[in-house]
Amino acid sequence: MTNWIRIGAVSDVPAGECRVYEAGENRVAVFNVEGALHAIDNSCMHRGGPLNEGMIEGSIVTCPWHHWSYDVRTGKTTMSEDLSVKKYPIEVRGEDLFIDVA
């Protein structure tokens, strides 16, 4: 089952940047990595730090609180393939961004 919702415009997320959106009950961080958009849960697994405020290098975002790092393309930590934040499917429809929060 899918639950696609519009979260914003493509132009809201310039290359190399991140925007956070409220998507139902979820806070979702949308990253633009070299023109490709990726949506992950905005809360770090370690202590809930805001990933949208972290430093991003390539596809890796580092939590500003305790330096846990995640690959925004997969949601997985750089420490273990077994640990990850939720990754949301994202679609561009015209100029709009949609994510599946199901």
C-alpha atoms as a PDB file:
ATOM      1  CA  MET A   1       0.000   0.000   0.000  1.00  0.00           C
ATOM      2  CA  THR A   2       1.285   3.470  -0.836  1.00  0.00           C
ATOM      3  CA  ASN A   3       0.507   6.884   0.586  1.00  0.00           C
ATOM      4  CA  TRP A   4       2.039   9.534  -1.668  1.00  0.00           C
ATOM      5  CA  ILE A   5       1.879  13.104  -0.407  1.00  0.00           C
ATOM      6  CA  ARG A   6       3.160  16.350  -1.901  1.00  0.00           C
ATOM      7  CA  ILE A   7       5.867  17.881   0.262  1.00  0.00           C
ATOM      8  CA  GLY A   8       7.152  20.805  -1.800  1.00  0.00           C
ATOM      9  CA  ALA A   9       8.698  21.974  -5.038  1.00  0.00           C
ATOM     10  CA  VAL A  10      11.812  20.593  -6.729  1.00  0.00           C
ATOM     11  CA  SER A  11      13.300  24.109  -6.684  1.00  0.00           C
ATOM     12  CA  ASP A  12      13.144  24.115  -2.853  1.00  0.00           C
ATOM     13  CA  VAL A  13      16.112  21.716  -2.666  1.00  0.00           C
ATOM     14  CA  PRO A  14      19.136  23.074  -4.608  1.00  0.00           C
ATOM     15  CA  ALA A  15      22.069  20.782  -5.430  1.00  0.00           C
ATOM     16  CA  GLY A  16      24.216  19.994  -2.396  1.00  0.00           C
ATOM     17  CA  GLU A  17      21.554  21.095   0.080  1.00  0.00           C
ATOM     18  CA  CYS A  18      18.867  19.644   2.331  1.00  0.00           C
ATOM     19  CA  ARG A  19      15.367  20.703   3.340  1.00  0.00           C
ATOM     20  CA  VAL A  20      13.232  19.195   6.068  1.00  0.00           C
ATOM     21  CA  TYR A  21       9.514  18.630   5.590  1.00  0.00           C
ATOM     22  CA  GLU A  22       6.593  17.625   7.774  1.00  0.00           C
ATOM     23  CA  ALA A  23       5.004  14.668   6.026  1.00  0.00           C
ATOM     24  CA  GLY A  24       2.052  13.473   8.035  1.00  0.00           C
ATOM     25  CA  GLU A  25       3.551  12.435  11.379  1.00  0.00           C
ATOM     26  CA  ASN A  26       7.064  12.236   9.924  1.00  0.00           C
ATOM     27  CA  ARG A  27       9.909  14.765   9.730  1.00  0.00           C
ATOM     28  CA  VAL A  28      11.679  13.956   6.489  1.00  0.00           C
ATOM     29  CA  ALA A  29      15.039  15.308   5.312  1.00  0.00           C
ATOM     30  CA  VAL A  30      15.300  15.643   1.522  1.00  0.00           C
ATOM     31  CA  PHE A  31      18.843  15.859   0.153  1.00  0.00           C
ATOM     32  CA  ASN A  32      19.888  16.850  -3.358  1.00  0.00           C
ATOM     33  CA  VAL A  33      23.057  14.920  -4.222  1.00  0.00           C
ATOM     34  CA  GLU A  34      24.304  15.888  -7.685  1.00  0.00           C
ATOM     35  CA  GLY A  35      20.743  16.401  -8.919  1.00  0.00           C
ATOM     36  CA  ALA A  36      19.351  13.190  -7.411  1.00  0.00           C
ATOM     37  CA  LEU A  37      16.836  13.618  -4.579  1.00  0.00           C
ATOM     38  CA  HIS A  38      16.868  11.339  -1.534  1.00  0.00           C
ATOM     39  CA  ALA A  39      14.457  11.343   1.415  1.00  0.00           C
ATOM     40  CA  ILE A  40      15.311   9.886   4.835  1.00  0.00           C
ATOM     41  CA  ASP A  41      14.008  10.222   8.382  1.00  0.00           C
ATOM     42  CA  ASN A  42      15.391  13.435   9.880  1.00  0.00           C
ATOM     43  CA  SER A  43      16.226  11.944  13.313  1.00  0.00           C
ATOM     44  CA  CYS A  44      19.589  10.313  13.992  1.00  0.00           C
ATOM     45  CA  MET A  45      19.289   6.811  15.444  1.00  0.00           C
ATOM     46  CA  HIS A  46      21.777   7.585  18.196  1.00  0.00           C
ATOM     47  CA  ARG A  47      20.072  10.407  20.130  1.00  0.00           C
ATOM     48  CA  GLY A  48      17.576  11.903  17.678  1.00  0.00           C
ATOM     49  CA  GLY A  49      19.801  14.672  16.341  1.00  0.00           C
ATOM     50  CA  PRO A  50      18.497  16.686  13.362  1.00  0.00           C
ATOM     51  CA  LEU A  51      20.184  15.269  10.263  1.00  0.00           C
ATOM     52  CA  ASN A  52      19.132  18.259   8.161  1.00  0.00           C
ATOM     53  CA  GLU A  53      21.513  20.392  10.265  1.00  0.00           C
ATOM     54  CA  GLY A  54      24.447  18.040   9.686  1.00  0.00           C
ATOM     55  CA  MET A  55      27.387  18.433   7.348  1.00  0.00           C
ATOM     56  CA  ILE A  56      26.972  16.721   3.991  1.00  0.00           C
ATOM     57  CA  GLU A  57      29.900  15.533   1.907  1.00  0.00           C
ATOM     58  CA  GLY A  58      28.907  13.764  -1.286  1.00  0.00           C
ATOM     59  CA  SER A  59      26.103  11.430  -0.226  1.00  0.00           C
ATOM     60  CA  ILE A  60      27.165  11.215   3.445  1.00  0.00           C
ATOM     61  CA  VAL A  61      25.473  13.356   6.090  1.00  0.00           C
ATOM     62  CA  THR A  62      26.969  13.584   9.581  1.00  0.00           C
ATOM     63  CA  CYS A  63      24.719  14.264  12.558  1.00  0.00           C
ATOM     64  CA  PRO A  64      25.716  17.539  14.256  1.00  0.00           C
ATOM     65  CA  TRP A  65      25.217  16.143  17.770  1.00  0.00           C
ATOM     66  CA  HIS A  66      27.440  13.039  18.024  1.00  0.00           C
ATOM     67  CA  HIS A  67      28.831  12.574  14.508  1.00  0.00           C
ATOM     68  CA  TRP A  68      26.981   9.463  13.400  1.00  0.00           C
ATOM     69  CA  SER A  69      27.082   9.368   9.589  1.00  0.00           C
ATOM     70  CA  TYR A  70      24.502   8.134   7.085  1.00  0.00           C
ATOM     71  CA  ASP A  71      24.442   7.554   3.350  1.00  0.00           C
ATOM     72  CA  VAL A  72      21.390   9.549   2.231  1.00  0.00           C
ATOM     73  CA  ARG A  73      20.973   7.257  -0.801  1.00  0.00           C
ATOM     74  CA  THR A  74      20.201   4.265   1.442  1.00  0.00           C
ATOM     75  CA  GLY A  75      19.630   5.584   4.979  1.00  0.00           C
ATOM     76  CA  LYS A  76      22.325   3.190   6.272  1.00  0.00           C
ATOM     77  CA  THR A  77      24.951   4.296   8.757  1.00  0.00           C
ATOM     78  CA  THR A  78      28.551   4.288   7.619  1.00  0.00           C
ATOM     79  CA  MET A  79      29.357   2.108  10.645  1.00  0.00           C
ATOM     80  CA  SER A  80      27.142  -0.878   9.885  1.00  0.00           C
ATOM     81  CA  GLU A  81      24.981  -2.171   7.050  1.00  0.00           C
ATOM     82  CA  ASP A  82      22.520  -3.329   9.735  1.00  0.00           C
ATOM     83  CA  LEU A  83      21.734   0.148  11.111  1.00  0.00           C
ATOM     84  CA  SER A  84      19.682   2.658   9.173  1.00  0.00           C
ATOM     85  CA  VAL A  85      17.115   5.412   9.352  1.00  0.00           C
ATOM     86  CA  LYS A  86      13.971   5.069   7.275  1.00  0.00           C
ATOM     87  CA  LYS A  87      14.412   5.787   3.562  1.00  0.00           C
ATOM     88  CA  TYR A  88      11.332   7.163   1.810  1.00  0.00           C
ATOM     89  CA  PRO A  89      10.501   6.671  -1.863  1.00  0.00           C
ATOM     90  CA  ILE A  90      10.495  10.078  -3.569  1.00  0.00           C
ATOM     91  CA  GLU A  91       9.101  11.133  -6.941  1.00  0.00           C
ATOM     92  CA  VAL A  92       9.294  14.278  -9.006  1.00  0.00           C
ATOM     93  CA  ARG A  93       5.998  15.054 -10.719  1.00  0.00           C
ATOM     94  CA  GLY A  94       6.412  18.099 -12.887  1.00  0.00           C
ATOM     95  CA  GLU A  95       7.806  20.704 -10.493  1.00  0.00           C
ATOM     96  CA  ASP A  96       6.463  18.992  -7.342  1.00  0.00           C
ATOM     97  CA  LEU A  97       8.053  16.553  -4.888  1.00  0.00           C
ATOM     98  CA  PHE A  98       6.080  13.626  -3.522  1.00  0.00           C
ATOM     99  CA  ILE A  99       7.095  11.018  -0.960  1.00  0.00           C
ATOM    100  CA  ASP A 100       5.479   7.761   0.043  1.00  0.00           C
ATOM    101  CA  VAL A 101       4.978   7.808   3.821  1.00  0.00           C
ATOM    102  CA  ALA A 102       3.333   4.360   3.976  1.00  0.00           C
END
